[in-house]
Amino acid sequence: MTYSEIEQQTIAIVDKQLDAYNNRDIDAFAATYHDDVEIHAFPGGLQYQGKDELMKRYGAKFASLVYLNATSLNRIVNGSFLVDKERASSASQDPNIIDTDVVVIASYQIEDGLIKRVSFMRD
């Protein structure tokens, strides 16, 4: 499939975010987000806003886990929008014993080359 330049940039920033997430690197992870990022949960709406809050929440998550991995299972890209069906697995004590394994739909909106909005949908 051929992607436009904007779509290639959209894919690149989301993939960079996933790599930082999997490495539990809070600085690299936060660097992919807009200062005024909005995190939504469908259908509940806005959960929190701002990079400082994102760093606080994900920093604590990264610090508490010994293993964290998210993988895109399916992807749709349209301009500055990307929708992933993602599997996220984590382990809190032994990296070989997965504590949590979830599948979510994550919808990303890119603005100024950074992730501006994310909406998570899950059963």
PDB file of N, CA and C in Angstrom:
ATOM      1  N   MET A   1       0.844  -1.179   0.000  1.00  0.00           N
ATOM      2  CA  MET A   1       0.000   0.000   0.000  1.00  0.00           C
ATOM      3  C   MET A   1       0.889   1.242   0.000  1.00  0.00           C
ATOM      4  N   THR A   2       0.464   2.247  -0.711  1.00  0.00           N
ATOM      5  CA  THR A   2       1.205   3.500  -0.774  1.00  0.00           C
ATOM      6  C   THR A   2       0.548   4.513   0.150  1.00  0.00           C
ATOM      7  N   TYR A   3       1.373   5.109   1.021  1.00  0.00           N
ATOM      8  CA  TYR A   3       0.877   6.116   1.955  1.00  0.00           C
ATOM      9  C   TYR A   3       1.354   7.491   1.530  1.00  0.00           C
ATOM     10  N   SER A   4       0.508   8.496   1.780  1.00  0.00           N
ATOM     11  CA  SER A   4       0.902   9.880   1.515  1.00  0.00           C
ATOM     12  C   SER A   4       1.989  10.280   2.509  1.00  0.00           C
ATOM     13  N   GLU A   5       2.614  11.409   2.282  1.00  0.00           N
ATOM     14  CA  GLU A   5       3.652  11.897   3.192  1.00  0.00           C
ATOM     15  C   GLU A   5       3.087  12.122   4.594  1.00  0.00           C
ATOM     16  N   ILE A   6       1.894  12.683   4.668  1.00  0.00           N
ATOM     17  CA  ILE A   6       1.255  12.913   5.972  1.00  0.00           C
ATOM     18  C   ILE A   6       0.992  11.581   6.672  1.00  0.00           C
ATOM     19  N   GLU A   7       0.513  10.593   5.929  1.00  0.00           N
ATOM     20  CA  GLU A   7       0.251   9.281   6.523  1.00  0.00           C
ATOM     21  C   GLU A   7       1.539   8.610   6.989  1.00  0.00           C
ATOM     22  N   GLN A   8       2.614   8.764   6.238  1.00  0.00           N
ATOM     23  CA  GLN A   8       3.906   8.215   6.659  1.00  0.00           C
ATOM     24  C   GLN A   8       4.366   8.855   7.969  1.00  0.00           C
ATOM     25  N   GLN A   9       4.159  10.171   8.102  1.00  0.00           N
ATOM     26  CA  GLN A   9       4.515  10.870   9.342  1.00  0.00           C
ATOM     27  C   GLN A   9       3.634  10.402  10.492  1.00  0.00           C
ATOM     28  N   THR A  10       2.364  10.187  10.224  1.00  0.00           N
ATOM     29  CA  THR A  10       1.430   9.695  11.241  1.00  0.00           C
ATOM     30  C   THR A  10       1.868   8.318  11.738  1.00  0.00           C
ATOM     31  N   ILE A  11       2.175   7.432  10.812  1.00  0.00           N
ATOM     32  CA  ILE A  11       2.636   6.087  11.174  1.00  0.00           C
ATOM     33  C   ILE A  11       3.930   6.168  11.975  1.00  0.00           C
ATOM     34  N   ALA A  12       4.852   7.017  11.550  1.00  0.00           N
ATOM     35  CA  ALA A  12       6.165   7.115  12.203  1.00  0.00           C
ATOM     36  C   ALA A  12       6.039   7.553  13.662  1.00  0.00           C
ATOM     37  N   ILE A  13       5.199   8.544  13.960  1.00  0.00           N
ATOM     38  CA  ILE A  13       5.113   9.037  15.342  1.00  0.00           C
ATOM     39  C   ILE A  13       4.394   8.009  16.227  1.00  0.00           C
ATOM     40  N   VAL A  14       3.391   7.317  15.692  1.00  0.00           N
ATOM     41  CA  VAL A  14       2.706   6.295  16.490  1.00  0.00           C
ATOM     42  C   VAL A  14       3.643   5.111  16.736  1.00  0.00           C
ATOM     43  N   ASP A  15       4.404   4.712  15.732  1.00  0.00           N
ATOM     44  CA  ASP A  15       5.367   3.621  15.923  1.00  0.00           C
ATOM     45  C   ASP A  15       6.461   4.008  16.916  1.00  0.00           C
ATOM     46  N   LYS A  16       6.903   5.248  16.867  1.00  0.00           N
ATOM     47  CA  LYS A  16       7.902   5.741  17.821  1.00  0.00           C
ATOM     48  C   LYS A  16       7.340   5.688  19.247  1.00  0.00           C
ATOM     49  N   GLN A  17       6.079   6.062  19.386  1.00  0.00           N
ATOM     50  CA  GLN A  17       5.392   6.003  20.683  1.00  0.00           C
ATOM     51  C   GLN A  17       5.295   4.568  21.176  1.00  0.00           C
ATOM     52  N   LEU A  18       4.943   3.636  20.295  1.00  0.00           N
ATOM     53  CA  LEU A  18       4.848   2.225  20.690  1.00  0.00           C
ATOM     54  C   LEU A  18       6.206   1.673  21.112  1.00  0.00           C
ATOM     55  N   ASP A  19       7.269   2.040  20.392  1.00  0.00           N
ATOM     56  CA  ASP A  19       8.619   1.593  20.759  1.00  0.00           C
ATOM     57  C   ASP A  19       9.002   2.099  22.147  1.00  0.00           C
ATOM     58  N   ALA A  20       8.732   3.374  22.416  1.00  0.00           N
ATOM     59  CA  ALA A  20       9.056   3.951  23.730  1.00  0.00           C
ATOM     60  C   ALA A  20       8.223   3.282  24.823  1.00  0.00           C
ATOM     61  N   TYR A  21       6.963   3.008  24.546  1.00  0.00           N
ATOM     62  CA  TYR A  21       6.082   2.304  25.483  1.00  0.00           C
ATOM     63  C   TYR A  21       6.664   0.933  25.817  1.00  0.00           C
ATOM     64  N   ASN A  22       7.045   0.197  24.779  1.00  0.00           N
ATOM     65  CA  ASN A  22       7.585  -1.151  24.982  1.00  0.00           C
ATOM     66  C   ASN A  22       8.912  -1.134  25.733  1.00  0.00           C
ATOM     67  N   ASN A  23       9.674  -0.064  25.594  1.00  0.00           N
ATOM     68  CA  ASN A  23      10.945   0.083  26.317  1.00  0.00           C
ATOM     69  C   ASN A  23      10.767   0.720  27.692  1.00  0.00           C
ATOM     70  N   ARG A  24       9.526   1.072  28.037  1.00  0.00           N
ATOM     71  CA  ARG A  24       9.207   1.737  29.305  1.00  0.00           C
ATOM     72  C   ARG A  24      10.067   2.987  29.498  1.00  0.00           C
ATOM     73  N   ASP A  25      10.263   3.730  28.405  1.00  0.00           N
ATOM     74  CA  ASP A  25      11.074   4.958  28.401  1.00  0.00           C
ATOM     75  C   ASP A  25      10.134   6.161  28.438  1.00  0.00           C
ATOM     76  N   ILE A  26       9.877   6.666  29.627  1.00  0.00           N
ATOM     77  CA  ILE A  26       8.879   7.721  29.794  1.00  0.00           C
ATOM     78  C   ILE A  26       9.255   8.996  29.044  1.00  0.00           C
ATOM     79  N   ASP A  27      10.532   9.336  28.987  1.00  0.00           N
ATOM     80  CA  ASP A  27      10.930  10.560  28.282  1.00  0.00           C
ATOM     81  C   ASP A  27      10.698  10.445  26.778  1.00  0.00           C
ATOM     82  N   ALA A  28      11.113   9.326  26.198  1.00  0.00           N
ATOM     83  CA  ALA A  28      10.898   9.108  24.760  1.00  0.00           C
ATOM     84  C   ALA A  28       9.403   8.996  24.455  1.00  0.00           C
ATOM     85  N   PHE A  29       8.664   8.346  25.350  1.00  0.00           N
ATOM     86  CA  PHE A  29       7.218   8.193  25.190  1.00  0.00           C
ATOM     87  C   PHE A  29       6.543   9.569  25.198  1.00  0.00           C
ATOM     88  N   ALA A  30       6.833  10.373  26.200  1.00  0.00           N
ATOM     89  CA  ALA A  30       6.216  11.696  26.325  1.00  0.00           C
ATOM     90  C   ALA A  30       6.603  12.615  25.168  1.00  0.00           C
ATOM     91  N   ALA A  31       7.786  12.420  24.603  1.00  0.00           N
ATOM     92  CA  ALA A  31       8.254  13.266  23.498  1.00  0.00           C
ATOM     93  C   ALA A  31       7.408  13.095  22.241  1.00  0.00           C
ATOM     94  N   THR A  32       6.611  12.031  22.166  1.00  0.00           N
ATOM     95  CA  THR A  32       5.764  11.815  20.989  1.00  0.00           C
ATOM     96  C   THR A  32       4.398  12.490  21.128  1.00  0.00           C
ATOM     97  N   TYR A  33       4.148  13.086  22.295  1.00  0.00           N
ATOM     98  CA  TYR A  33       2.845  13.686  22.582  1.00  0.00           C
ATOM     99  C   TYR A  33       2.896  15.204  22.590  1.00  0.00           C
ATOM    100  N   HIS A  34       1.809  15.788  22.160  1.00  0.00           N
ATOM    101  CA  HIS A  34       1.582  17.225  22.199  1.00  0.00           C
ATOM    102  C   HIS A  34       1.473  17.669  23.664  1.00  0.00           C
ATOM    103  N   ASP A  35       1.904  18.872  23.982  1.00  0.00           N
ATOM    104  CA  ASP A  35       1.818  19.381  25.361  1.00  0.00           C
ATOM    105  C   ASP A  35       0.388  19.350  25.906  1.00  0.00           C
ATOM    106  N   ASP A  36      -0.588  19.563  25.027  1.00  0.00           N
ATOM    107  CA  ASP A  36      -1.994  19.603  25.433  1.00  0.00           C
ATOM    108  C   ASP A  36      -2.735  18.322  25.054  1.00  0.00           C
ATOM    109  N   VAL A  37      -2.033  17.192  25.070  1.00  0.00           N
ATOM    110  CA  VAL A  37      -2.633  15.921  24.679  1.00  0.00           C
ATOM    111  C   VAL A  37      -3.908  15.654  25.468  1.00  0.00           C
ATOM    112  N   GLU A  38      -4.855  15.026  24.793  1.00  0.00           N
ATOM    113  CA  GLU A  38      -6.112  14.611  25.422  1.00  0.00           C
ATOM    114  C   GLU A  38      -6.198  13.094  25.331  1.00  0.00           C
ATOM    115  N   ILE A  39      -6.479  12.448  26.459  1.00  0.00           N
ATOM    116  CA  ILE A  39      -6.659  11.004  26.494  1.00  0.00           C
ATOM    117  C   ILE A  39      -8.130  10.732  26.813  1.00  0.00           C
ATOM    118  N   HIS A  40      -8.770  10.039  25.894  1.00  0.00           N
ATOM    119  CA  HIS A  40     -10.194   9.736  26.013  1.00  0.00           C
ATOM    120  C   HIS A  40     -10.409   8.235  26.150  1.00  0.00           C
ATOM    121  N   ALA A  41     -11.498   7.867  26.779  1.00  0.00           N
ATOM    122  CA  ALA A  41     -11.944   6.469  26.832  1.00  0.00           C
ATOM    123  C   ALA A  41     -13.371   6.449  26.319  1.00  0.00           C
ATOM    124  N   PHE A  42     -13.623   5.638  25.331  1.00  0.00           N
ATOM    125  CA  PHE A  42     -14.953   5.549  24.767  1.00  0.00           C
ATOM    126  C   PHE A  42     -15.787   4.574  25.583  1.00  0.00           C
ATOM    127  N   PRO A  43     -16.993   4.879  25.952  1.00  0.00           N
ATOM    128  CA  PRO A  43     -17.753   6.071  25.628  1.00  0.00           C
ATOM    129  C   PRO A  43     -17.668   7.165  26.694  1.00  0.00           C
ATOM    130  N   GLY A  44     -16.805   7.014  27.676  1.00  0.00           N
ATOM    131  CA  GLY A  44     -16.770   7.931  28.813  1.00  0.00           C
ATOM    132  C   GLY A  44     -16.261   9.328  28.532  1.00  0.00           C
ATOM    133  N   GLY A  45     -15.506   9.517  27.472  1.00  0.00           N
ATOM    134  CA  GLY A  45     -15.018  10.846  27.136  1.00  0.00           C
ATOM    135  C   GLY A  45     -13.636  11.123  27.697  1.00  0.00           C
ATOM    136  N   LEU A  46     -13.354  12.394  27.877  1.00  0.00           N
ATOM    137  CA  LEU A  46     -12.035  12.846  28.311  1.00  0.00           C
ATOM    138  C   LEU A  46     -11.686  12.279  29.687  1.00  0.00           C
ATOM    139  N   GLN A  47     -10.539  11.584  29.773  1.00  0.00           N
ATOM    140  CA  GLN A  47     -10.063  11.025  31.033  1.00  0.00           C
ATOM    141  C   GLN A  47      -9.076  11.967  31.708  1.00  0.00           C
ATOM    142  N   TYR A  48      -8.180  12.539  30.904  1.00  0.00           N
ATOM    143  CA  TYR A  48      -7.234  13.541  31.403  1.00  0.00           C
ATOM    144  C   TYR A  48      -6.594  14.258  30.231  1.00  0.00           C
ATOM    145  N   GLN A  49      -5.919  15.353  30.556  1.00  0.00           N
ATOM    146  CA  GLN A  49      -5.338  16.202  29.521  1.00  0.00           C
ATOM    147  C   GLN A  49      -3.972  16.706  29.981  1.00  0.00           C
ATOM    148  N   GLY A  50      -3.065  16.868  29.025  1.00  0.00           N
ATOM    149  CA  GLY A  50      -1.763  17.467  29.291  1.00  0.00           C
ATOM    150  C   GLY A  50      -0.644  16.463  29.427  1.00  0.00           C
ATOM    151  N   LYS A  51       0.525  16.852  28.937  1.00  0.00           N
ATOM    152  CA  LYS A  51       1.694  15.971  28.958  1.00  0.00           C
ATOM    153  C   LYS A  51       2.159  15.683  30.379  1.00  0.00           C
ATOM    154  N   ASP A  52       2.052  16.648  31.299  1.00  0.00           N
ATOM    155  CA  ASP A  52       2.468  16.413  32.686  1.00  0.00           C
ATOM    156  C   ASP A  52       1.678  15.274  33.320  1.00  0.00           C
ATOM    157  N   GLU A  53       0.365  15.274  33.108  1.00  0.00           N
ATOM    158  CA  GLU A  53      -0.481  14.207  33.655  1.00  0.00           C
ATOM    159  C   GLU A  53      -0.163  12.876  32.972  1.00  0.00           C
ATOM    160  N   LEU A  54       0.070  12.911  31.663  1.00  0.00           N
ATOM    161  CA  LEU A  54       0.444  11.699  30.931  1.00  0.00           C
ATOM    162  C   LEU A  54       1.730  11.114  31.498  1.00  0.00           C
ATOM    163  N   MET A  55       2.724  11.956  31.745  1.00  0.00           N
ATOM    164  CA  MET A  55       4.006  11.492  32.289  1.00  0.00           C
ATOM    165  C   MET A  55       3.831  10.920  33.693  1.00  0.00           C
ATOM    166  N   LYS A  56       2.996  11.554  34.482  1.00  0.00           N
ATOM    167  CA  LYS A  56       2.738  11.069  35.844  1.00  0.00           C
ATOM    168  C   LYS A  56       2.111   9.676  35.810  1.00  0.00           C
ATOM    169  N   ARG A  57       1.094   9.506  35.008  1.00  0.00           N
ATOM    170  CA  ARG A  57       0.374   8.236  34.951  1.00  0.00           C
ATOM    171  C   ARG A  57       1.212   7.126  34.319  1.00  0.00           C
ATOM    172  N   TYR A  58       1.780   7.423  33.150  1.00  0.00           N
ATOM    173  CA  TYR A  58       2.563   6.384  32.470  1.00  0.00           C
ATOM    174  C   TYR A  58       3.909   6.160  33.148  1.00  0.00           C
ATOM    175  N   GLY A  59       4.488   7.193  33.743  1.00  0.00           N
ATOM    176  CA  GLY A  59       5.741   7.025  34.478  1.00  0.00           C
ATOM    177  C   GLY A  59       5.579   6.029  35.612  1.00  0.00           C
ATOM    178  N   ALA A  60       4.478   6.147  36.350  1.00  0.00           N
ATOM    179  CA  ALA A  60       4.193   5.213  37.444  1.00  0.00           C
ATOM    180  C   ALA A  60       3.966   3.802  36.895  1.00  0.00           C
ATOM    181  N   LYS A  61       3.263   3.704  35.783  1.00  0.00           N
ATOM    182  CA  LYS A  61       3.008   2.395  35.169  1.00  0.00           C
ATOM    183  C   LYS A  61       4.316   1.756  34.721  1.00  0.00           C
ATOM    184  N   PHE A  62       5.156   2.512  34.027  1.00  0.00           N
ATOM    185  CA  PHE A  62       6.423   1.983  33.538  1.00  0.00           C
ATOM    186  C   PHE A  62       7.312   1.528  34.693  1.00  0.00           C
ATOM    187  N   ALA A  63       7.333   2.300  35.769  1.00  0.00           N
ATOM    188  CA  ALA A  63       8.187   1.983  36.922  1.00  0.00           C
ATOM    189  C   ALA A  63       7.711   0.728  37.657  1.00  0.00           C
ATOM    190  N   SER A  64       6.420   0.437  37.596  1.00  0.00           N
ATOM    191  CA  SER A  64       5.876  -0.686  38.364  1.00  0.00           C
ATOM    192  C   SER A  64       5.945  -2.024  37.621  1.00  0.00           C
ATOM    193  N   LEU A  65       6.345  -2.000  36.355  1.00  0.00           N
ATOM    194  CA  LEU A  65       6.340  -3.218  35.549  1.00  0.00           C
ATOM    195  C   LEU A  65       7.745  -3.633  35.135  1.00  0.00           C
ATOM    196  N   VAL A  66       7.963  -4.936  35.016  1.00  0.00           N
ATOM    197  CA  VAL A  66       9.251  -5.452  34.531  1.00  0.00           C
ATOM    198  C   VAL A  66       9.181  -5.793  33.047  1.00  0.00           C
ATOM    199  N   TYR A  67       7.957  -5.882  32.521  1.00  0.00           N
ATOM    200  CA  TYR A  67       7.759  -6.185  31.107  1.00  0.00           C
ATOM    201  C   TYR A  67       6.508  -5.478  30.632  1.00  0.00           C
ATOM    202  N   LEU A  68       6.598  -4.888  29.443  1.00  0.00           N
ATOM    203  CA  LEU A  68       5.470  -4.186  28.850  1.00  0.00           C
ATOM    204  C   LEU A  68       5.627  -4.271  27.346  1.00  0.00           C
ATOM    205  N   ASN A  69       4.575  -4.711  26.657  1.00  0.00           N
ATOM    206  CA  ASN A  69       4.664  -4.814  25.213  1.00  0.00           C
ATOM    207  C   ASN A  69       3.302  -4.575  24.587  1.00  0.00           C
ATOM    208  N   ALA A  70       3.279  -3.647  23.644  1.00  0.00           N
ATOM    209  CA  ALA A  70       2.078  -3.391  22.855  1.00  0.00           C
ATOM    210  C   ALA A  70       2.426  -3.620  21.391  1.00  0.00           C
ATOM    211  N   THR A  71       1.512  -4.282  20.695  1.00  0.00           N
ATOM    212  CA  THR A  71       1.711  -4.606  19.289  1.00  0.00           C
ATOM    213  C   THR A  71       0.462  -4.243  18.511  1.00  0.00           C
ATOM    214  N   SER A  72       0.667  -3.649  17.341  1.00  0.00           N
ATOM    215  CA  SER A  72      -0.447  -3.363  16.450  1.00  0.00           C
ATOM    216  C   SER A  72      -0.851  -4.641  15.729  1.00  0.00           C
ATOM    217  N   LEU A  73      -2.120  -5.027  15.884  1.00  0.00           N
ATOM    218  CA  LEU A  73      -2.641  -6.219  15.218  1.00  0.00           C
ATOM    219  C   LEU A  73      -3.252  -5.878  13.865  1.00  0.00           C
ATOM    220  N   ASN A  74      -3.924  -4.741  13.799  1.00  0.00           N
ATOM    221  CA  ASN A  74      -4.536  -4.219  12.577  1.00  0.00           C
ATOM    222  C   ASN A  74      -4.426  -2.710  12.601  1.00  0.00           C
ATOM    223  N   ARG A  75      -4.281  -2.109  11.426  1.00  0.00           N
ATOM    224  CA  ARG A  75      -4.081  -0.662  11.377  1.00  0.00           C
ATOM    225  C   ARG A  75      -4.808  -0.060  10.184  1.00  0.00           C
ATOM    226  N   ILE A  76      -5.426   1.095  10.441  1.00  0.00           N
ATOM    227  CA  ILE A  76      -6.040   1.909   9.389  1.00  0.00           C
ATOM    228  C   ILE A  76      -5.448   3.309   9.529  1.00  0.00           C
ATOM    229  N   VAL A  77      -5.004   3.873   8.421  1.00  0.00           N
ATOM    230  CA  VAL A  77      -4.428   5.221   8.429  1.00  0.00           C
ATOM    231  C   VAL A  77      -5.148   6.059   7.392  1.00  0.00           C
ATOM    232  N   ASN A  78      -5.524   7.276   7.796  1.00  0.00           N
ATOM    233  CA  ASN A  78      -6.143   8.228   6.879  1.00  0.00           C
ATOM    234  C   ASN A  78      -5.641   9.615   7.243  1.00  0.00           C
ATOM    235  N   GLY A  79      -4.658  10.112   6.504  1.00  0.00           N
ATOM    236  CA  GLY A  79      -4.093  11.427   6.784  1.00  0.00           C
ATOM    237  C   GLY A  79      -3.464  11.466   8.159  1.00  0.00           C
ATOM    238  N   SER A  80      -3.943  12.361   9.006  1.00  0.00           N
ATOM    239  CA  SER A  80      -3.377  12.528  10.346  1.00  0.00           C
ATOM    240  C   SER A  80      -4.089  11.672  11.396  1.00  0.00           C
ATOM    241  N   PHE A  81      -4.905  10.712  10.953  1.00  0.00           N
ATOM    242  CA  PHE A  81      -5.611   9.806  11.859  1.00  0.00           C
ATOM    243  C   PHE A  81      -5.095   8.384  11.671  1.00  0.00           C
ATOM    244  N   LEU A  82      -4.923   7.691  12.778  1.00  0.00           N
ATOM    245  CA  LEU A  82      -4.496   6.293  12.744  1.00  0.00           C
ATOM    246  C   LEU A  82      -5.311   5.541  13.780  1.00  0.00           C
ATOM    247  N   VAL A  83      -5.859   4.400  13.380  1.00  0.00           N
ATOM    248  CA  VAL A  83      -6.609   3.543  14.291  1.00  0.00           C
ATOM    249  C   VAL A  83      -5.918   2.184  14.323  1.00  0.00           C
ATOM    250  N   ASP A  84      -5.538   1.762  15.511  1.00  0.00           N
ATOM    251  CA  ASP A  84      -4.882   0.478  15.722  1.00  0.00           C
ATOM    252  C   ASP A  84      -5.757  -0.415  16.579  1.00  0.00           C
ATOM    253  N   LYS A  85      -5.782  -1.696  16.229  1.00  0.00           N
ATOM    254  CA  LYS A  85      -6.234  -2.712  17.168  1.00  0.00           C
ATOM    255  C   LYS A  85      -4.941  -3.222  17.780  1.00  0.00           C
ATOM    256  N   GLU A  86      -4.785  -3.026  19.092  1.00  0.00           N
ATOM    257  CA  GLU A  86      -3.523  -3.326  19.759  1.00  0.00           C
ATOM    258  C   GLU A  86      -3.705  -4.378  20.845  1.00  0.00           C
ATOM    259  N   ARG A  87      -2.685  -5.216  20.982  1.00  0.00           N
ATOM    260  CA  ARG A  87      -2.605  -6.153  22.099  1.00  0.00           C
ATOM    261  C   ARG A  87      -1.530  -5.606  23.027  1.00  0.00           C
ATOM    262  N   ALA A  88      -1.869  -5.444  24.295  1.00  0.00           N
ATOM    263  CA  ALA A  88      -0.919  -4.954  25.300  1.00  0.00           C
ATOM    264  C   ALA A  88      -0.790  -5.998  26.402  1.00  0.00           C
ATOM    265  N   SER A  89       0.447  -6.396  26.642  1.00  0.00           N
ATOM    266  CA  SER A  89       0.737  -7.387  27.676  1.00  0.00           C
ATOM    267  C   SER A  89       1.713  -6.788  28.671  1.00  0.00           C
ATOM    268  N   SER A  90       1.584  -7.192  29.936  1.00  0.00           N
ATOM    269  CA  SER A  90       2.503  -6.671  30.947  1.00  0.00           C
ATOM    270  C   SER A  90       2.740  -7.714  32.033  1.00  0.00           C
ATOM    271  N   ALA A  91       3.882  -7.536  32.695  1.00  0.00           N
ATOM    272  CA  ALA A  91       4.256  -8.392  33.831  1.00  0.00           C
ATOM    273  C   ALA A  91       4.809  -7.499  34.925  1.00  0.00           C
ATOM    274  N   SER A  92       4.391  -7.752  36.145  1.00  0.00           N
ATOM    275  CA  SER A  92       4.823  -6.893  37.254  1.00  0.00           C
ATOM    276  C   SER A  92       6.018  -7.447  38.026  1.00  0.00           C
ATOM    277  N   GLN A  93       6.234  -8.771  38.001  1.00  0.00           N
ATOM    278  CA  GLN A  93       7.334  -9.324  38.794  1.00  0.00           C
ATOM    279  C   GLN A  93       8.296 -10.177  37.984  1.00  0.00           C
ATOM    280  N   ASP A  94       7.768 -11.041  37.159  1.00  0.00           N
ATOM    281  CA  ASP A  94       8.601 -11.927  36.354  1.00  0.00           C
ATOM    282  C   ASP A  94       8.258 -11.671  34.887  1.00  0.00           C
ATOM    283  N   PRO A  95       9.239 -11.252  34.069  1.00  0.00           N
ATOM    284  CA  PRO A  95       8.932 -10.941  32.672  1.00  0.00           C
ATOM    285  C   PRO A  95       8.396 -12.128  31.880  1.00  0.00           C
ATOM    286  N   ASN A  96       8.544 -13.323  32.412  1.00  0.00           N
ATOM    287  CA  ASN A  96       8.047 -14.521  31.741  1.00  0.00           C
ATOM    288  C   ASN A  96       6.632 -14.907  32.167  1.00  0.00           C
ATOM    289  N   ILE A  97       6.088 -14.178  33.143  1.00  0.00           N
ATOM    290  CA  ILE A  97       4.729 -14.461  33.618  1.00  0.00           C
ATOM    291  C   ILE A  97       3.871 -13.218  33.376  1.00  0.00           C
ATOM    292  N   ILE A  98       3.046 -13.271  32.342  1.00  0.00           N
ATOM    293  CA  ILE A  98       2.198 -12.148  31.959  1.00  0.00           C
ATOM    294  C   ILE A  98       1.037 -12.025  32.949  1.00  0.00           C
ATOM    295  N   ASP A  99       0.923 -10.851  33.552  1.00  0.00           N
ATOM    296  CA  ASP A  99      -0.169 -10.564  34.490  1.00  0.00           C
ATOM    297  C   ASP A  99      -1.417 -10.080  33.760  1.00  0.00           C
ATOM    298  N   THR A 100      -1.199  -9.267  32.748  1.00  0.00           N
ATOM    299  CA  THR A 100      -2.302  -8.626  32.040  1.00  0.00           C
ATOM    300  C   THR A 100      -2.091  -8.746  30.545  1.00  0.00           C
ATOM    301  N   ASP A 101      -3.146  -9.097  29.840  1.00  0.00           N
ATOM    302  CA  ASP A 101      -3.107  -9.194  28.385  1.00  0.00           C
ATOM    303  C   ASP A 101      -4.447  -8.686  27.874  1.00  0.00           C
ATOM    304  N   VAL A 102      -4.454  -7.523  27.232  1.00  0.00           N
ATOM    305  CA  VAL A 102      -5.699  -6.921  26.769  1.00  0.00           C
ATOM    306  C   VAL A 102      -5.592  -6.555  25.295  1.00  0.00           C
ATOM    307  N   VAL A 103      -6.735  -6.504  24.646  1.00  0.00           N
ATOM    308  CA  VAL A 103      -6.832  -6.020  23.282  1.00  0.00           C
ATOM    309  C   VAL A 103      -7.694  -4.769  23.325  1.00  0.00           C
ATOM    310  N   VAL A 104      -7.177  -3.700  22.735  1.00  0.00           N
ATOM    311  CA  VAL A 104      -7.888  -2.422  22.710  1.00  0.00           C
ATOM    312  C   VAL A 104      -7.859  -1.855  21.295  1.00  0.00           C
ATOM    313  N   ILE A 105      -8.771  -0.966  21.034  1.00  0.00           N
ATOM    314  CA  ILE A 105      -8.705  -0.146  19.830  1.00  0.00           C
ATOM    315  C   ILE A 105      -8.237   1.218  20.285  1.00  0.00           C
ATOM    316  N   ALA A 106      -7.183   1.704  19.651  1.00  0.00           N
ATOM    317  CA  ALA A 106      -6.629   3.020  19.972  1.00  0.00           C
ATOM    318  C   ALA A 106      -6.711   3.887  18.728  1.00  0.00           C
ATOM    319  N   SER A 107      -7.341   5.016  18.870  1.00  0.00           N
ATOM    320  CA  SER A 107      -7.487   5.970  17.779  1.00  0.00           C
ATOM    321  C   SER A 107      -6.605   7.175  18.088  1.00  0.00           C
ATOM    322  N   TYR A 108      -5.671   7.476  17.183  1.00  0.00           N
ATOM    323  CA  TYR A 108      -4.714   8.567  17.374  1.00  0.00           C
ATOM    324  C   TYR A 108      -4.994   9.690  16.384  1.00  0.00           C
ATOM    325  N   GLN A 109      -4.918  10.915  16.857  1.00  0.00           N
ATOM    326  CA  GLN A 109      -4.977  12.086  15.980  1.00  0.00           C
ATOM    327  C   GLN A 109      -3.661  12.835  16.137  1.00  0.00           C
ATOM    328  N   ILE A 110      -3.002  13.098  15.016  1.00  0.00           N
ATOM    329  CA  ILE A 110      -1.709  13.764  15.016  1.00  0.00           C
ATOM    330  C   ILE A 110      -1.910  15.230  14.639  1.00  0.00           C
ATOM    331  N   GLU A 111      -1.239  16.093  15.393  1.00  0.00           N
ATOM    332  CA  GLU A 111      -1.290  17.535  15.126  1.00  0.00           C
ATOM    333  C   GLU A 111       0.108  18.091  15.347  1.00  0.00           C
ATOM    334  N   ASP A 112       0.600  18.860  14.394  1.00  0.00           N
ATOM    335  CA  ASP A 112       1.948  19.433  14.475  1.00  0.00           C
ATOM    336  C   ASP A 112       3.013  18.346  14.681  1.00  0.00           C
ATOM    337  N   GLY A 113       2.806  17.177  14.082  1.00  0.00           N
ATOM    338  CA  GLY A 113       3.781  16.100  14.148  1.00  0.00           C
ATOM    339  C   GLY A 113       3.799  15.314  15.445  1.00  0.00           C
ATOM    340  N   LEU A 114       2.846  15.601  16.349  1.00  0.00           N
ATOM    341  CA  LEU A 114       2.784  14.925  17.652  1.00  0.00           C
ATOM    342  C   LEU A 114       1.382  14.380  17.889  1.00  0.00           C
ATOM    343  N   ILE A 115       1.277  13.441  18.809  1.00  0.00           N
ATOM    344  CA  ILE A 115      -0.015  12.860  19.143  1.00  0.00           C
ATOM    345  C   ILE A 115      -0.803  13.865  19.983  1.00  0.00           C
ATOM    346  N   LYS A 116      -1.922  14.323  19.454  1.00  0.00           N
ATOM    347  CA  LYS A 116      -2.751  15.336  20.124  1.00  0.00           C
ATOM    348  C   LYS A 116      -3.918  14.704  20.888  1.00  0.00           C
ATOM    349  N   ARG A 117      -4.528  13.659  20.308  1.00  0.00           N
ATOM    350  CA  ARG A 117      -5.665  12.995  20.952  1.00  0.00           C
ATOM    351  C   ARG A 117      -5.541  11.481  20.788  1.00  0.00           C
ATOM    352  N   VAL A 118      -5.913  10.779  21.846  1.00  0.00           N
ATOM    353  CA  VAL A 118      -6.002   9.326  21.794  1.00  0.00           C
ATOM    354  C   VAL A 118      -7.348   8.943  22.406  1.00  0.00           C
ATOM    355  N   SER A 119      -8.037   8.041  21.740  1.00  0.00           N
ATOM    356  CA  SER A 119      -9.266   7.467  22.282  1.00  0.00           C
ATOM    357  C   SER A 119      -9.079   5.966  22.360  1.00  0.00           C
ATOM    358  N   PHE A 120      -9.329   5.422  23.543  1.00  0.00           N
ATOM    359  CA  PHE A 120      -9.232   3.980  23.750  1.00  0.00           C
ATOM    360  C   PHE A 120     -10.626   3.376  23.824  1.00  0.00           C
ATOM    361  N   MET A 121     -10.799   2.248  23.163  1.00  0.00           N
ATOM    362  CA  MET A 121     -12.056   1.515  23.172  1.00  0.00           C
ATOM    363  C   MET A 121     -11.751   0.067  23.504  1.00  0.00           C
ATOM    364  N   ARG A 122     -12.456  -0.459  24.495  1.00  0.00           N
ATOM    365  CA  ARG A 122     -12.275  -1.872  24.837  1.00  0.00           C
ATOM    366  C   ARG A 122     -13.530  -2.423  25.477  1.00  0.00           C
ATOM    367  N   ASP A 123     -13.657  -3.742  25.392  1.00  0.00           N
ATOM    368  CA  ASP A 123     -14.792  -4.429  26.032  1.00  0.00           C
ATOM    369  C   ASP A 123     -14.614  -4.405  27.524  1.00  0.00           C
TER     370      ASP A 123
END
